[in-house]
Amino acid sequence: MPVPQHIFEPPFNIIRSSHVVLDVTDLKLSREFYETIVGLHVEDADDKVVYLRAAEEHQHHSLVLRKAAAPACARLGFKLGNDGDLDKAAAFLSENGLAYAFVDQPFQGRTLQFTDPFGFQIELYASMDRRPHLLRRYDLYRGCHPQRLDHFNVFAAEVQDTVEFYARLGFRLTEYAEEDGPNGRIAAAWMHRKGNVHDFAITNGKGPRLHHFAYWTPTAMNIIHLCDVMASQGFVKNIERGPGRHGISNAFFLYVRDPDGHRLELYTSDYFTGDHDHEPLRWSLRDPRRQTLWGAPAPRSWFEQGSLFSGQVVREPKFVADVLVAD
C-alpha cells in the first residue's frame, strides 16, 4: 500500500501528543497505581477526577483519571501551536464534514473536541495552566521516574485510511510494518510531530480502541526498577510484556496494565526524526526483530486487548494481519 508523503504545511499546527483522559472504575486504586507505583505526580484531585503529570512537564496534566461505571478512553489530547490554530482546525473539520465543538475544560484554554472519521475521540488545545517542572525535585521521584508523555498507540479497523488522514494533518511517517509481496498492506504505522519516532501509532485491529499510551523514562534501568517495584507491591500479574528492546523505534520498553486493564508503556531510547528528508523505515511483518530486537514475540493479549473509546462501536479490521505471536 502507498506510503504517505510528508506534508510540511498542514492545515493547522499540531505540536505534539499532550494528554490522555481515561475512565476508571476505582479512582482511589487507579490514583495509587499511577502515583505510587508508576511515579506520576498528582496536581489536582477530588472524588471524581485526578490530574497527574510527569517530572519534566510544565503543563498542568498529561493524564486525567475520571471515575466512571466502566473503563474507557474518553479523549486523546494534542497541543497546537497557538490559539489561531484552533480556528484553523475548526475550519478544516467543517470543510471535511466532521462535527466539532468548543468546550470548557478545567485547567485548559479554549479546547476543541471532535471524533475523527474512524471513531477516535480527539481533543485539541493551545494553552494549559503551567506549573514549575519537577525535574530537579529528586526528593519527589517515585516508581520509574517518568519524565513526559511520549505517544499514543491505537487499534484502527482501517489502517491505510487512518494513516492518510493523519498525514494530511502533518503527521510524518517514521517506520511502518507491511506484508511482503507486491500487494502488501500496511499493518502498522508510526507517525510523529515532535521529531522523535512517534506521537501517534496506528495498528491494525478491531477499532477504534486505545492500544496504549506511553511515558518516557530517563534510562532503561528505571524501567527495570519498575518491574521490581511492581513485583514487591503485588502487581506482578500487571506486567504484560518486557522489559525488552523494540526493533521498531529502537526503544527500551515495558508494557503494564493498570487496575482497569488500560495499557501503559514505559519507554526510552528512541531516536531523532526531525529532518525534512527523513525516510520511513519499512519492516516485514515476518521479521521477528520488529516486535523485539532480541527476537521474542509479543503475547496474544498485546494484539487483541485494548481500551474502548466511550460510546464508539468497535468494527472488525479490513484485513487480519499475519503476525508472530508468542505461544
Protein backbone atom coordinates (compact mmCIF):
# COMPACT_ATOMS: atom_id res chain seq x y z
CA MET A 1 0.00 0.00 0.00
CA PRO A 2 1.23 3.54 -0.62
CA VAL A 3 3.35 5.35 1.92
CA PRO A 4 2.02 8.89 2.50
CA GLN A 5 4.11 11.89 1.56
CA HIS A 6 5.31 14.27 4.26
CA ILE A 7 3.26 17.47 4.47
CA PHE A 8 5.18 20.42 5.87
CA GLU A 9 2.37 22.99 5.63
CA PRO A 10 -0.62 21.26 7.25
CA PRO A 11 -4.00 22.98 7.68
CA PHE A 12 -3.17 23.66 11.36
CA ASN A 13 -0.12 23.13 13.52
CA ILE A 14 -0.12 20.18 15.91
CA ILE A 15 2.94 20.38 18.17
CA ARG A 16 2.83 17.01 19.94
CA SER A 17 0.79 14.45 21.84
CA SER A 18 -0.20 16.01 25.15
CA HIS A 19 -2.57 14.11 27.41
CA VAL A 20 -4.97 11.21 27.71
CA VAL A 21 -8.30 11.09 29.56
CA LEU A 22 -9.23 7.69 30.99
CA ASP A 23 -12.40 6.49 32.65
CA VAL A 24 -11.64 4.21 35.61
CA THR A 25 -13.92 2.28 37.96
CA ASP A 26 -11.96 2.68 41.20
CA LEU A 27 -10.48 6.18 41.31
CA LYS A 28 -8.59 5.63 44.57
CA LEU A 29 -6.95 2.42 43.35
CA SER A 30 -6.05 3.94 39.98
CA ARG A 31 -4.58 7.02 41.63
CA GLU A 32 -2.43 4.85 43.89
CA PHE A 33 -1.21 2.85 40.90
CA TYR A 34 -0.17 5.84 38.79
CA GLU A 35 1.11 7.95 41.67
CA THR A 36 2.83 5.43 43.94
CA ILE A 37 3.78 2.57 41.60
CA VAL A 38 4.46 4.35 38.28
CA GLY A 39 5.59 7.63 39.84
CA LEU A 40 3.43 10.36 38.29
CA HIS A 41 2.69 13.48 40.34
CA VAL A 42 -0.85 14.42 41.36
CA GLU A 43 -1.51 18.08 40.55
CA ASP A 44 -5.20 18.32 41.46
CA ALA A 45 -7.79 15.82 42.65
CA ASP A 46 -11.26 15.39 44.11
CA ASP A 47 -13.61 12.44 44.49
CA LYS A 48 -14.47 12.40 40.77
CA VAL A 49 -11.25 13.19 38.88
CA VAL A 50 -7.47 13.13 39.33
CA TYR A 51 -4.98 15.14 37.25
CA LEU A 52 -1.40 13.86 37.02
CA ARG A 53 1.81 14.91 35.25
CA ALA A 54 5.39 13.72 34.89
CA ALA A 55 8.56 15.32 36.25
CA GLU A 56 9.68 17.19 33.13
CA GLU A 57 6.28 18.60 32.21
CA HIS A 58 5.34 22.25 32.76
CA GLN A 59 1.73 21.59 31.75
CA HIS A 60 -0.88 21.01 34.44
CA HIS A 61 -1.67 17.42 33.39
CA SER A 62 -0.83 14.70 30.94
CA LEU A 63 -3.09 12.02 32.45
CA VAL A 64 -6.66 12.57 33.62
CA LEU A 65 -8.45 9.82 35.55
CA ARG A 66 -12.24 10.11 35.77
CA LYS A 67 -14.43 7.96 38.00
CA ALA A 68 -16.90 6.03 35.82
CA ALA A 69 -19.10 2.95 35.78
CA ALA A 70 -16.95 1.25 33.12
CA PRO A 71 -13.36 1.68 31.94
CA ALA A 72 -12.82 3.52 28.67
CA CYS A 73 -10.65 6.05 26.89
CA ALA A 74 -12.51 9.35 26.78
CA ARG A 75 -10.06 11.55 24.81
CA LEU A 76 -6.61 11.75 23.30
CA GLY A 77 -5.20 15.27 23.59
CA PHE A 78 -2.85 17.12 21.24
CA LYS A 79 -1.25 20.54 21.78
CA LEU A 80 -1.49 23.11 18.98
CA GLY A 81 0.91 25.92 18.15
CA ASN A 82 -1.34 28.84 19.10
CA ASP A 83 -4.94 29.85 19.60
CA GLY A 84 -5.36 30.67 15.92
CA ASP A 85 -4.66 27.03 15.07
CA LEU A 86 -7.86 26.11 16.89
CA ASP A 87 -9.84 28.20 14.42
CA LYS A 88 -7.91 26.68 11.53
CA ALA A 89 -8.68 23.21 12.91
CA ALA A 90 -12.37 24.08 13.15
CA ALA A 91 -12.34 25.27 9.53
CA PHE A 92 -10.63 22.08 8.36
CA LEU A 93 -13.13 19.89 10.20
CA SER A 94 -16.06 21.87 8.82
CA GLU A 95 -14.73 21.66 5.26
CA ASN A 96 -14.39 17.89 5.65
CA GLY A 97 -17.85 17.33 7.12
CA LEU A 98 -16.67 16.47 10.64
CA ALA A 99 -18.63 17.69 13.64
CA TYR A 100 -16.73 19.52 16.38
CA ALA A 101 -17.40 21.57 19.49
CA PHE A 102 -15.52 24.15 21.52
CA VAL A 103 -15.78 23.15 25.18
CA ASP A 104 -14.62 24.36 28.57
CA GLN A 105 -12.10 22.00 30.15
CA PRO A 106 -10.60 22.57 33.61
CA PHE A 107 -7.03 23.95 33.58
CA GLN A 108 -7.05 24.28 29.76
CA GLY A 109 -7.60 27.24 27.49
CA ARG A 110 -10.04 27.11 24.59
CA THR A 111 -10.47 23.44 23.71
CA LEU A 112 -11.84 21.84 20.55
CA GLN A 113 -13.22 18.29 20.63
CA PHE A 114 -14.10 16.09 17.68
CA THR A 115 -14.37 12.47 16.64
CA ASP A 116 -12.27 11.64 13.57
CA PRO A 117 -13.71 9.59 10.66
CA PHE A 118 -12.55 6.36 12.32
CA GLY A 119 -14.01 6.86 15.79
CA PHE A 120 -11.01 8.22 17.67
CA GLN A 121 -12.06 10.94 20.10
CA ILE A 122 -9.61 13.83 19.91
CA GLU A 123 -9.10 17.00 21.95
CA LEU A 124 -7.08 19.98 20.71
CA TYR A 125 -5.90 22.96 22.76
CA ALA A 126 -3.16 25.60 22.58
CA SER A 127 -2.72 26.63 26.21
CA MET A 128 -2.90 24.88 29.57
CA ASP A 129 -2.20 26.06 33.10
CA ARG A 130 1.52 25.89 33.73
CA ARG A 131 3.38 24.57 36.75
CA PRO A 132 7.07 24.60 37.70
CA HIS A 133 8.56 21.38 36.42
CA LEU A 134 9.75 18.84 38.93
CA LEU A 135 12.79 17.65 37.00
CA ARG A 136 15.23 18.60 39.77
CA ARG A 137 12.92 17.65 42.64
CA TYR A 138 14.59 14.28 43.07
CA ASP A 139 13.10 14.05 46.54
CA LEU A 140 9.70 13.58 44.86
CA TYR A 141 10.76 10.84 42.42
CA ARG A 142 8.93 7.51 42.68
CA GLY A 143 8.45 4.40 40.56
CA CYS A 144 10.26 4.57 37.22
CA HIS A 145 10.75 8.37 37.36
CA PRO A 146 8.51 9.15 34.34
CA GLN A 147 9.59 12.36 32.64
CA ARG A 148 6.97 13.18 29.99
CA LEU A 149 4.13 11.69 27.99
CA ASP A 150 5.58 10.41 24.73
CA HIS A 151 2.91 8.90 22.46
CA PHE A 152 -0.38 7.11 21.86
CA ASN A 153 -0.95 3.84 20.00
CA VAL A 154 -4.39 2.87 18.72
CA PHE A 155 -6.10 -0.12 17.11
CA ALA A 156 -7.60 1.01 13.79
CA ALA A 157 -10.00 -1.02 11.66
CA GLU A 158 -8.93 0.94 8.54
CA VAL A 159 -5.16 1.40 8.91
CA GLN A 160 -4.39 2.86 5.49
CA ASP A 161 -7.22 5.38 5.58
CA THR A 162 -6.33 6.40 9.13
CA VAL A 163 -2.66 6.88 8.21
CA GLU A 164 -3.62 9.02 5.22
CA PHE A 165 -5.97 11.20 7.31
CA TYR A 166 -3.31 11.98 9.91
CA ALA A 167 -0.70 12.52 7.21
CA ARG A 168 -2.98 15.33 5.93
CA LEU A 169 -2.68 16.88 9.40
CA GLY A 170 1.11 16.94 9.15
CA PHE A 171 1.97 13.70 10.94
CA ARG A 172 5.09 12.27 9.30
CA LEU A 173 5.74 8.56 8.92
CA THR A 174 8.93 7.23 10.54
CA GLU A 175 8.52 3.43 10.46
CA TYR A 176 5.90 1.01 9.22
CA ALA A 177 5.17 -2.71 9.15
CA GLU A 178 3.97 -4.18 5.88
CA GLU A 179 3.05 -7.53 4.39
CA ASP A 180 5.58 -8.96 1.96
CA GLY A 181 4.84 -9.20 -1.75
CA PRO A 182 3.75 -6.76 -4.48
CA ASN A 183 0.33 -6.15 -2.91
CA GLY A 184 1.47 -5.96 0.70
CA ARG A 185 -0.74 -3.96 3.03
CA ILE A 186 0.47 -1.65 5.80
CA ALA A 187 -0.44 -3.24 9.13
CA ALA A 188 1.02 -0.61 11.46
CA ALA A 189 2.49 2.88 11.14
CA TRP A 190 4.45 5.17 13.48
CA MET A 191 3.87 8.90 12.90
CA HIS A 192 5.30 11.97 14.64
CA ARG A 193 5.01 15.72 15.05
CA LYS A 194 7.72 16.49 17.59
CA GLY A 195 10.80 14.93 15.99
CA ASN A 196 11.07 11.50 17.60
CA VAL A 197 9.72 8.19 16.33
CA HIS A 198 6.07 8.81 17.10
CA ASP A 199 3.36 10.82 18.71
CA PHE A 200 0.66 8.60 17.22
CA ALA A 201 0.97 4.96 16.20
CA ILE A 202 -1.76 3.23 14.20
CA THR A 203 -2.05 -0.55 14.46
CA ASN A 204 -4.30 -2.94 12.54
CA GLY A 205 -7.05 -4.48 14.66
CA LYS A 206 -10.59 -4.16 15.93
CA GLY A 207 -11.14 -0.45 16.29
CA PRO A 208 -11.44 2.23 17.36
CA ARG A 209 -9.64 1.26 20.57
CA LEU A 210 -6.68 2.62 22.51
CA HIS A 211 -3.80 0.15 22.48
CA HIS A 212 -1.59 2.09 24.90
CA PHE A 213 -0.20 5.42 25.96
CA ALA A 214 3.46 5.85 26.87
CA TYR A 215 5.67 7.82 29.22
CA TRP A 216 9.37 8.46 28.64
CA THR A 217 11.78 7.41 31.40
CA PRO A 218 15.40 8.59 31.85
CA THR A 219 17.10 5.20 31.36
CA ALA A 220 16.44 1.51 30.84
CA MET A 221 17.37 0.96 34.48
CA ASN A 222 14.34 2.99 35.56
CA ILE A 223 12.15 0.57 33.63
CA ILE A 224 13.85 -2.45 35.18
CA HIS A 225 13.41 -0.84 38.60
CA LEU A 226 9.66 -0.54 37.95
CA CYS A 227 9.49 -4.32 37.47
CA ASP A 228 11.00 -4.72 40.96
CA VAL A 229 8.58 -2.17 42.40
CA MET A 230 5.54 -3.82 40.83
CA ALA A 231 6.63 -7.28 41.93
CA SER A 232 7.23 -6.15 45.51
CA GLN A 233 3.87 -4.30 45.65
CA GLY A 234 1.76 -7.20 44.40
CA PHE A 235 1.38 -6.08 40.78
CA VAL A 236 3.48 -8.76 39.08
CA LYS A 237 0.44 -10.02 37.13
CA ASN A 238 0.03 -6.50 35.72
CA ILE A 239 3.35 -6.81 33.85
CA GLU A 240 2.22 -7.83 30.39
CA ARG A 241 5.31 -7.64 28.19
CA GLY A 242 9.00 -6.88 28.62
CA PRO A 243 11.29 -5.40 29.60
CA GLY A 244 12.92 -5.56 26.18
CA ARG A 245 14.07 -3.55 23.18
CA HIS A 246 11.90 -2.93 20.16
CA GLY A 247 13.34 -3.25 16.68
CA ILE A 248 10.80 -0.64 15.65
CA SER A 249 11.85 2.67 17.27
CA ASN A 250 14.92 1.04 18.92
CA ALA A 251 13.25 1.88 22.24
CA PHE A 252 13.68 0.01 25.51
CA PHE A 253 10.18 -0.81 26.75
CA LEU A 254 7.86 -2.30 29.32
CA TYR A 255 4.09 -2.76 28.99
CA VAL A 256 1.96 -2.88 32.13
CA ARG A 257 -1.78 -2.90 32.76
CA ASP A 258 -3.43 -0.59 35.27
CA PRO A 259 -6.19 -1.83 37.64
CA ASP A 260 -8.83 -1.39 34.90
CA GLY A 261 -6.72 -3.01 32.19
CA HIS A 262 -5.66 0.19 30.43
CA ARG A 263 -2.24 -0.47 28.88
CA LEU A 264 0.70 1.80 29.75
CA GLU A 265 4.12 1.65 28.12
CA LEU A 266 7.28 2.89 29.80
CA TYR A 267 9.68 3.87 27.08
CA THR A 268 13.17 5.25 26.44
CA SER A 269 16.00 5.49 23.88
CA ASP A 270 14.33 6.09 20.54
CA TYR A 271 15.92 8.49 18.04
CA PHE A 272 15.70 11.86 16.24
CA THR A 273 13.49 12.11 13.13
CA GLY A 274 13.13 15.86 12.65
CA ASP A 275 15.00 16.27 9.34
CA HIS A 276 12.69 17.14 6.46
CA ASP A 277 14.13 14.33 4.32
CA HIS A 278 13.95 11.61 6.97
CA GLU A 279 12.90 8.44 5.12
CA PRO A 280 10.44 5.95 6.68
CA LEU A 281 11.87 2.56 7.62
CA ARG A 282 9.95 -0.49 6.36
CA TRP A 283 9.65 -3.68 8.40
CA SER A 284 8.36 -7.03 7.17
CA LEU A 285 5.58 -8.45 9.30
CA ARG A 286 7.54 -11.69 9.37
CA ASP A 287 10.72 -10.15 10.76
CA PRO A 288 10.96 -11.25 14.42
CA ARG A 289 13.23 -8.30 15.23
CA ARG A 290 10.37 -5.90 14.51
CA GLN A 291 8.49 -6.59 17.74
CA THR A 292 11.57 -7.20 19.87
CA LEU A 293 15.09 -6.76 18.62
CA TRP A 294 16.07 -9.82 20.64
CA GLY A 295 13.51 -11.94 18.79
CA ALA A 296 10.84 -12.62 21.44
CA PRO A 297 7.30 -12.23 20.03
CA ALA A 298 4.54 -10.40 21.88
CA PRO A 299 1.79 -12.24 23.78
CA ARG A 300 -1.62 -12.68 22.18
CA SER A 301 -3.19 -10.18 24.61
CA TRP A 302 -0.96 -7.46 23.17
CA PHE A 303 -2.60 -7.93 19.74
CA GLU A 304 -6.16 -8.45 20.91
CA GLN A 305 -6.90 -6.36 24.01
CA GLY A 306 -7.37 -2.60 24.21
CA SER A 307 -9.45 0.18 25.78
CA LEU A 308 -12.75 1.14 24.20
CA PHE A 309 -13.48 4.74 23.26
CA SER A 310 -16.56 5.96 25.12
CA GLY A 311 -19.70 5.45 23.05
CA GLN A 312 -17.93 4.19 19.93
CA VAL A 313 -18.88 0.97 18.12
CA VAL A 314 -15.91 -1.33 17.51
CA ARG A 315 -15.51 -2.56 13.92
CA GLU A 316 -13.68 -5.58 12.58
CA PRO A 317 -10.44 -4.73 10.73
CA LYS A 318 -10.43 -4.63 6.93
CA PHE A 319 -7.90 -7.46 7.00
CA VAL A 320 -6.28 -9.76 9.53
CA ALA A 321 -2.52 -9.29 9.68
CA ASP A 322 -0.35 -12.41 9.87
CA VAL A 323 1.82 -11.50 12.86
CA LEU A 324 4.17 -13.53 15.04
CA VAL A 325 2.55 -14.37 18.38
CA ALA A 326 4.15 -15.91 21.46
CA ASP A 327 2.92 -19.39 22.39
